[in-house]
Every structure is written in C-alpha cells, then in structure tokens.
Amino acid sequence: MKDPTIPPIVKLKGSALASVMGATLATKTSSAERVAAGTDMNAIRIVPYANPFRTYPLVNDYEKFKKLVEEKNVDCYIVNTGDFMGHKCQKEDTLGILETIVEGKAKFEQWGPFEDIEIMNDWSGKTGDFTPDFNDADYKAQLKSALETRVNAVKGFAEKKEGYDKLPDEALAALEKLVNAL
C-alpha cells in the first residue's frame, strides 16, 4: 500500500474490513506502466488487490480474500512501503517490521479511534518517526480524505460497468465505520 496517511504497519480485524482494504488498495503509477501524457505519477489511485489485469467480477477476489481471514484464520496487515506523512518508509523499516511479526515479537494495540485496526506499539521505526498524531487536525483530515476515497471507490464499483464490480454492502459499511470514527 502506498497511502501516506497509513503508518508502515497496521493490523486489520474482521474479514470484511480486511477484504475491502485489499479491494481498495492505494498505490501510485509505476514508471513501467504505459500512461497517457500528463498523468500525475505521484497521484494515489485504487487498484483492487494490486491486480490491474482482473477479467472477472471484483466480488470473486473479495469473497476469496474474506474467506482466508474468516475461515483460515489468517492475520491481515497493511504494510505501507511508500511514505507516512512525509517520512519515507525505508527498506530497513519494512524488513524490521516483517522480522518482528515473523518472529512472533510484534505487539499491537488499538489504533486511535478505530476499533478494527491495530498499530504495532513496540516499534517506532529505524529511520524516522511514524507515530500517527490524532491531535493533528491536518493529519486527521488527510486520513479521513483517504478513507473517503475508498468509500467512493466502493460506491463506484457498484455504479460503473453496470455494477459488474459491485461489492457486498458489508464492504461499504466497514469503510464507513472508519470514516465515522474520525
């Protein structure tokens, strides 16, 4: 994920939230992509499950991902490999996070007002401060905007292509719960 409002690591609780965050994966355009002249290469865009080549309804991936979390008891994390509020997430940060999780040393706690998202509480980053400040009105506004972008994407999936990529109502509800918590 390359969402500048999400810290380098968060853990999601609940299969609907985990699946819809995959369906609204935020990324940036790669220099390897063929894009129209004037495309903002730094603009955040939604690419469901990082698969721009999907040829079937989005709900198929949504349900399969949800099943992994729900039935197989798979933990779901968002790893932000871009930047967090102007601080670049370096490879040392990402590797440190992954090692801590794999070694079973990671400890998570509720992330701000979100009941269904946890943040690693024993890691401050090797190369910068990645602590989200919910007392910062600018940060909260940017985070809310990023979440609303996801809400709008899910609404768009239901409307575009005659609803071909419509997701279950629970997907939109999981995102709206996050927006409302802010």
C-alpha atoms as a PDB file:
ATOM      1  CA  MET A   1       0.000   0.000   0.000  1.00  0.00           C
ATOM      2  CA  LYS A   2       1.253   3.496  -0.742  1.00  0.00           C
ATOM      3  CA  ASP A   3      -1.151   5.588   1.309  1.00  0.00           C
ATOM      4  CA  PRO A   4       0.702   8.442   3.058  1.00  0.00           C
ATOM      5  CA  THR A   5      -1.852   8.512   5.887  1.00  0.00           C
ATOM      6  CA  ILE A   6      -1.301   4.913   6.992  1.00  0.00           C
ATOM      7  CA  PRO A   7       1.711   4.088   9.202  1.00  0.00           C
ATOM      8  CA  PRO A   8       4.213   1.491   7.945  1.00  0.00           C
ATOM      9  CA  ILE A   9       2.245  -1.330   9.584  1.00  0.00           C
ATOM     10  CA  VAL A  10      -1.308  -1.804  10.806  1.00  0.00           C
ATOM     11  CA  LYS A  11      -3.236  -4.967  11.566  1.00  0.00           C
ATOM     12  CA  LEU A  12      -6.857  -5.316  10.491  1.00  0.00           C
ATOM     13  CA  LYS A  13      -9.523  -7.095  12.496  1.00  0.00           C
ATOM     14  CA  GLY A  14     -12.556  -8.506  10.753  1.00  0.00           C
ATOM     15  CA  SER A  15     -12.823 -10.241   7.418  1.00  0.00           C
ATOM     16  CA  ALA A  16     -14.981  -7.601   5.706  1.00  0.00           C
ATOM     17  CA  LEU A  17     -12.576  -4.774   6.591  1.00  0.00           C
ATOM     18  CA  ALA A  18      -9.536  -6.825   5.601  1.00  0.00           C
ATOM     19  CA  SER A  19     -11.068  -7.751   2.277  1.00  0.00           C
ATOM     20  CA  VAL A  20     -12.341  -4.275   1.394  1.00  0.00           C
ATOM     21  CA  MET A  21      -8.958  -2.730   2.183  1.00  0.00           C
ATOM     22  CA  GLY A  22      -7.479  -5.137  -0.364  1.00  0.00           C
ATOM     23  CA  ALA A  23     -10.204  -4.182  -2.819  1.00  0.00           C
ATOM     24  CA  THR A  24      -9.305  -0.513  -2.311  1.00  0.00           C
ATOM     25  CA  LEU A  25      -5.546  -0.883  -2.335  1.00  0.00           C
ATOM     26  CA  ALA A  26      -3.936   2.529  -2.784  1.00  0.00           C
ATOM     27  CA  THR A  27      -0.874   2.724  -4.987  1.00  0.00           C
ATOM     28  CA  LYS A  28       0.936   5.032  -7.371  1.00  0.00           C
ATOM     29  CA  THR A  29       1.534   4.699 -11.083  1.00  0.00           C
ATOM     30  CA  SER A  30       4.744   2.864 -11.905  1.00  0.00           C
ATOM     31  CA  SER A  31       7.223   4.095 -14.485  1.00  0.00           C
ATOM     32  CA  ALA A  32       6.812   0.655 -16.099  1.00  0.00           C
ATOM     33  CA  GLU A  33       3.177   1.420 -16.939  1.00  0.00           C
ATOM     34  CA  ARG A  34       2.006   2.901 -20.194  1.00  0.00           C
ATOM     35  CA  VAL A  35       0.044   6.012 -19.253  1.00  0.00           C
ATOM     36  CA  ALA A  36      -1.478   8.985 -21.001  1.00  0.00           C
ATOM     37  CA  ALA A  37       0.582  12.132 -21.333  1.00  0.00           C
ATOM     38  CA  GLY A  38       0.107  14.414 -18.352  1.00  0.00           C
ATOM     39  CA  THR A  39      -0.666  11.596 -15.910  1.00  0.00           C
ATOM     40  CA  ASP A  40       0.367  12.536 -12.375  1.00  0.00           C
ATOM     41  CA  MET A  41       2.764   9.734 -11.494  1.00  0.00           C
ATOM     42  CA  ASN A  42       2.519  10.607  -7.773  1.00  0.00           C
ATOM     43  CA  ALA A  43      -1.269  10.600  -7.551  1.00  0.00           C
ATOM     44  CA  ILE A  44      -2.758   7.880  -5.382  1.00  0.00           C
ATOM     45  CA  ARG A  45      -5.045   5.516  -7.272  1.00  0.00           C
ATOM     46  CA  ILE A  46      -7.083   2.487  -6.298  1.00  0.00           C
ATOM     47  CA  VAL A  47      -6.063  -0.832  -7.861  1.00  0.00           C
ATOM     48  CA  PRO A  48      -8.081  -3.687  -6.323  1.00  0.00           C
ATOM     49  CA  TYR A  49      -5.776  -6.334  -4.868  1.00  0.00           C
ATOM     50  CA  ALA A  50      -2.922  -4.789  -6.916  1.00  0.00           C
ATOM     51  CA  ASN A  51      -4.261  -6.643  -9.958  1.00  0.00           C
ATOM     52  CA  PRO A  52      -4.884  -4.316 -12.902  1.00  0.00           C
ATOM     53  CA  PHE A  53      -5.451  -7.329 -15.177  1.00  0.00           C
ATOM     54  CA  ARG A  54      -8.519  -8.849 -13.469  1.00  0.00           C
ATOM     55  CA  THR A  55     -11.050 -10.145 -16.020  1.00  0.00           C
ATOM     56  CA  TYR A  56     -13.797 -11.300 -13.646  1.00  0.00           C
ATOM     57  CA  PRO A  57     -16.103  -9.570 -11.136  1.00  0.00           C
ATOM     58  CA  LEU A  58     -14.301  -7.977  -8.178  1.00  0.00           C
ATOM     59  CA  VAL A  59     -16.572  -9.775  -5.727  1.00  0.00           C
ATOM     60  CA  ASN A  60     -14.756 -13.032  -6.587  1.00  0.00           C
ATOM     61  CA  ASP A  61     -11.491 -11.722  -5.119  1.00  0.00           C
ATOM     62  CA  TYR A  62     -13.347 -10.046  -2.260  1.00  0.00           C
ATOM     63  CA  GLU A  63     -15.022 -13.299  -1.186  1.00  0.00           C
ATOM     64  CA  LYS A  64     -11.836 -15.379  -1.542  1.00  0.00           C
ATOM     65  CA  PHE A  65      -9.802 -12.905   0.493  1.00  0.00           C
ATOM     66  CA  LYS A  66     -12.542 -12.675   3.106  1.00  0.00           C
ATOM     67  CA  LYS A  67     -12.603 -16.482   3.352  1.00  0.00           C
ATOM     68  CA  LEU A  68      -8.853 -16.548   4.098  1.00  0.00           C
ATOM     69  CA  VAL A  69      -9.358 -14.254   7.073  1.00  0.00           C
ATOM     70  CA  GLU A  70     -12.651 -15.735   8.230  1.00  0.00           C
ATOM     71  CA  GLU A  71     -12.220 -19.467   7.758  1.00  0.00           C
ATOM     72  CA  LYS A  72      -8.458 -19.960   7.639  1.00  0.00           C
ATOM     73  CA  ASN A  73      -7.812 -17.514  10.497  1.00  0.00           C
ATOM     74  CA  VAL A  74      -5.167 -15.606   8.508  1.00  0.00           C
ATOM     75  CA  ASP A  75      -3.946 -12.349  10.053  1.00  0.00           C
ATOM     76  CA  CYS A  76      -4.213  -9.353   7.757  1.00  0.00           C
ATOM     77  CA  TYR A  77      -1.764  -6.470   7.763  1.00  0.00           C
ATOM     78  CA  ILE A  78      -1.320  -3.351   5.701  1.00  0.00           C
ATOM     79  CA  VAL A  79       2.343  -2.702   5.035  1.00  0.00           C
ATOM     80  CA  ASN A  80       2.907   0.828   3.768  1.00  0.00           C
ATOM     81  CA  THR A  81       6.072   0.836   1.670  1.00  0.00           C
ATOM     82  CA  GLY A  82       5.659   4.402   0.460  1.00  0.00           C
ATOM     83  CA  ASP A  83       5.811   7.217   2.932  1.00  0.00           C
ATOM     84  CA  PHE A  84       3.940   8.224   6.046  1.00  0.00           C
ATOM     85  CA  MET A  85       3.182  11.914   6.340  1.00  0.00           C
ATOM     86  CA  GLY A  86       6.388  12.944   4.607  1.00  0.00           C
ATOM     87  CA  HIS A  87       8.643  10.302   6.172  1.00  0.00           C
ATOM     88  CA  LYS A  88       9.828   7.688   3.656  1.00  0.00           C
ATOM     89  CA  CYS A  89       9.334   4.100   4.793  1.00  0.00           C
ATOM     90  CA  GLN A  90      12.801   2.743   4.106  1.00  0.00           C
ATOM     91  CA  LYS A  91      13.544  -0.898   3.333  1.00  0.00           C
ATOM     92  CA  GLU A  92      15.120  -1.201   6.808  1.00  0.00           C
ATOM     93  CA  ASP A  93      11.783  -0.198   8.332  1.00  0.00           C
ATOM     94  CA  THR A  94       9.805  -2.699   6.281  1.00  0.00           C
ATOM     95  CA  LEU A  95      12.266  -5.535   6.910  1.00  0.00           C
ATOM     96  CA  GLY A  96      12.335  -4.758  10.636  1.00  0.00           C
ATOM     97  CA  ILE A  97       8.550  -4.843  10.772  1.00  0.00           C
ATOM     98  CA  LEU A  98       8.303  -8.130   8.892  1.00  0.00           C
ATOM     99  CA  GLU A  99      11.027  -9.757  11.011  1.00  0.00           C
ATOM    100  CA  THR A 100       9.287  -8.667  14.220  1.00  0.00           C
ATOM    101  CA  ILE A 101       5.983 -10.164  13.049  1.00  0.00           C
ATOM    102  CA  VAL A 102       7.503 -13.416  11.752  1.00  0.00           C
ATOM    103  CA  GLU A 103       9.479 -13.875  14.972  1.00  0.00           C
ATOM    104  CA  GLY A 104       6.251 -13.507  16.966  1.00  0.00           C
ATOM    105  CA  LYS A 105       7.546 -10.450  18.838  1.00  0.00           C
ATOM    106  CA  ALA A 106       5.066  -7.912  17.448  1.00  0.00           C
ATOM    107  CA  LYS A 107       2.574  -6.426  19.866  1.00  0.00           C
ATOM    108  CA  PHE A 108      -0.417  -4.496  18.606  1.00  0.00           C
ATOM    109  CA  GLU A 109      -2.902  -2.140  20.235  1.00  0.00           C
ATOM    110  CA  GLN A 110      -5.964  -0.243  19.026  1.00  0.00           C
ATOM    111  CA  TRP A 111      -5.070   2.463  16.533  1.00  0.00           C
ATOM    112  CA  GLY A 112      -6.643   5.726  17.652  1.00  0.00           C
ATOM    113  CA  PRO A 113     -10.424   5.732  17.339  1.00  0.00           C
ATOM    114  CA  PHE A 114     -10.580   2.604  15.170  1.00  0.00           C
ATOM    115  CA  GLU A 115     -11.968  -0.497  16.890  1.00  0.00           C
ATOM    116  CA  ASP A 116     -10.992  -2.716  13.966  1.00  0.00           C
ATOM    117  CA  ILE A 117      -7.443  -1.507  13.278  1.00  0.00           C
ATOM    118  CA  GLU A 118      -4.398  -2.046  15.455  1.00  0.00           C
ATOM    119  CA  ILE A 119      -0.946  -0.489  15.287  1.00  0.00           C
ATOM    120  CA  MET A 120       2.336  -2.035  16.365  1.00  0.00           C
ATOM    121  CA  ASN A 121       3.039  -0.485  19.745  1.00  0.00           C
ATOM    122  CA  ASP A 122       6.627  -1.577  20.251  1.00  0.00           C
ATOM    123  CA  TRP A 123       8.181  -0.170  17.102  1.00  0.00           C
ATOM    124  CA  SER A 124       8.966   3.451  16.302  1.00  0.00           C
ATOM    125  CA  GLY A 125      10.877   2.924  13.085  1.00  0.00           C
ATOM    126  CA  LYS A 126      14.562   2.688  12.384  1.00  0.00           C
ATOM    127  CA  THR A 127      14.746   5.692  10.069  1.00  0.00           C
ATOM    128  CA  GLY A 128      12.030   8.068  11.251  1.00  0.00           C
ATOM    129  CA  ASP A 129       9.066   8.781  13.448  1.00  0.00           C
ATOM    130  CA  PHE A 130       5.987   7.008  12.180  1.00  0.00           C
ATOM    131  CA  THR A 131       3.686   7.780  15.091  1.00  0.00           C
ATOM    132  CA  PRO A 132       0.261   8.971  13.912  1.00  0.00           C
ATOM    133  CA  ASP A 133      -0.924  12.110  15.722  1.00  0.00           C
ATOM    134  CA  PHE A 134      -4.700  12.135  16.086  1.00  0.00           C
ATOM    135  CA  ASN A 135      -4.439  15.527  17.782  1.00  0.00           C
ATOM    136  CA  ASP A 136      -3.173  16.976  14.492  1.00  0.00           C
ATOM    137  CA  ALA A 137      -6.234  18.280  12.624  1.00  0.00           C
ATOM    138  CA  ASP A 138      -4.362  18.218   9.295  1.00  0.00           C
ATOM    139  CA  TYR A 139      -3.440  14.548   9.731  1.00  0.00           C
ATOM    140  CA  LYS A 140      -6.993  13.595  10.673  1.00  0.00           C
ATOM    141  CA  ALA A 141      -8.347  15.484   7.647  1.00  0.00           C
ATOM    142  CA  GLN A 142      -5.918  13.731   5.290  1.00  0.00           C
ATOM    143  CA  LEU A 143      -6.702  10.329   6.795  1.00  0.00           C
ATOM    144  CA  LYS A 144     -10.430  10.955   6.530  1.00  0.00           C
ATOM    145  CA  SER A 145      -9.999  12.011   2.903  1.00  0.00           C
ATOM    146  CA  ALA A 146      -8.040   8.827   2.141  1.00  0.00           C
ATOM    147  CA  LEU A 147     -10.780   6.714   3.723  1.00  0.00           C
ATOM    148  CA  GLU A 148     -13.472   8.634   1.824  1.00  0.00           C
ATOM    149  CA  THR A 149     -11.560   7.894  -1.396  1.00  0.00           C
ATOM    150  CA  ARG A 150     -12.032   4.217  -0.585  1.00  0.00           C
ATOM    151  CA  VAL A 151     -15.729   4.728   0.188  1.00  0.00           C
ATOM    152  CA  ASN A 152     -16.148   6.466  -3.172  1.00  0.00           C
ATOM    153  CA  ALA A 153     -14.259   3.668  -4.923  1.00  0.00           C
ATOM    154  CA  VAL A 154     -16.602   1.037  -3.480  1.00  0.00           C
ATOM    155  CA  LYS A 155     -19.617   3.138  -4.479  1.00  0.00           C
ATOM    156  CA  GLY A 156     -18.093   3.488  -7.939  1.00  0.00           C
ATOM    157  CA  PHE A 157     -17.636  -0.266  -8.246  1.00  0.00           C
ATOM    158  CA  ALA A 158     -21.411  -0.610  -7.776  1.00  0.00           C
ATOM    159  CA  GLU A 159     -22.220   2.019 -10.403  1.00  0.00           C
ATOM    160  CA  LYS A 160     -19.625   1.627 -13.147  1.00  0.00           C
ATOM    161  CA  LYS A 161     -19.794  -1.119 -15.764  1.00  0.00           C
ATOM    162  CA  GLU A 162     -23.447  -1.711 -14.837  1.00  0.00           C
ATOM    163  CA  GLY A 163     -22.439  -2.864 -11.366  1.00  0.00           C
ATOM    164  CA  TYR A 164     -20.065  -5.560 -12.641  1.00  0.00           C
ATOM    165  CA  ASP A 165     -17.652  -4.970  -9.737  1.00  0.00           C
ATOM    166  CA  LYS A 166     -20.219  -4.311  -7.005  1.00  0.00           C
ATOM    167  CA  LEU A 167     -19.124  -5.500  -3.579  1.00  0.00           C
ATOM    168  CA  PRO A 168     -21.401  -6.714  -0.773  1.00  0.00           C
ATOM    169  CA  ASP A 169     -22.945  -3.969   1.389  1.00  0.00           C
ATOM    170  CA  GLU A 170     -20.759  -5.054   4.311  1.00  0.00           C
ATOM    171  CA  ALA A 171     -17.688  -3.782   2.433  1.00  0.00           C
ATOM    172  CA  LEU A 172     -19.023  -0.239   2.252  1.00  0.00           C
ATOM    173  CA  ALA A 173     -20.238  -0.452   5.862  1.00  0.00           C
ATOM    174  CA  ALA A 174     -16.750  -1.444   7.080  1.00  0.00           C
ATOM    175  CA  LEU A 175     -15.225   1.619   5.430  1.00  0.00           C
ATOM    176  CA  GLU A 176     -17.966   3.973   6.547  1.00  0.00           C
ATOM    177  CA  LYS A 177     -17.424   2.796  10.130  1.00  0.00           C
ATOM    178  CA  LEU A 178     -13.812   4.020   9.863  1.00  0.00           C
ATOM    179  CA  VAL A 179     -14.839   7.392   8.427  1.00  0.00           C
ATOM    180  CA  ASN A 180     -17.440   7.836  11.151  1.00  0.00           C
ATOM    181  CA  ALA A 181     -14.864   7.065  13.859  1.00  0.00           C
ATOM    182  CA  LEU A 182     -12.999  10.201  12.851  1.00  0.00           C
END
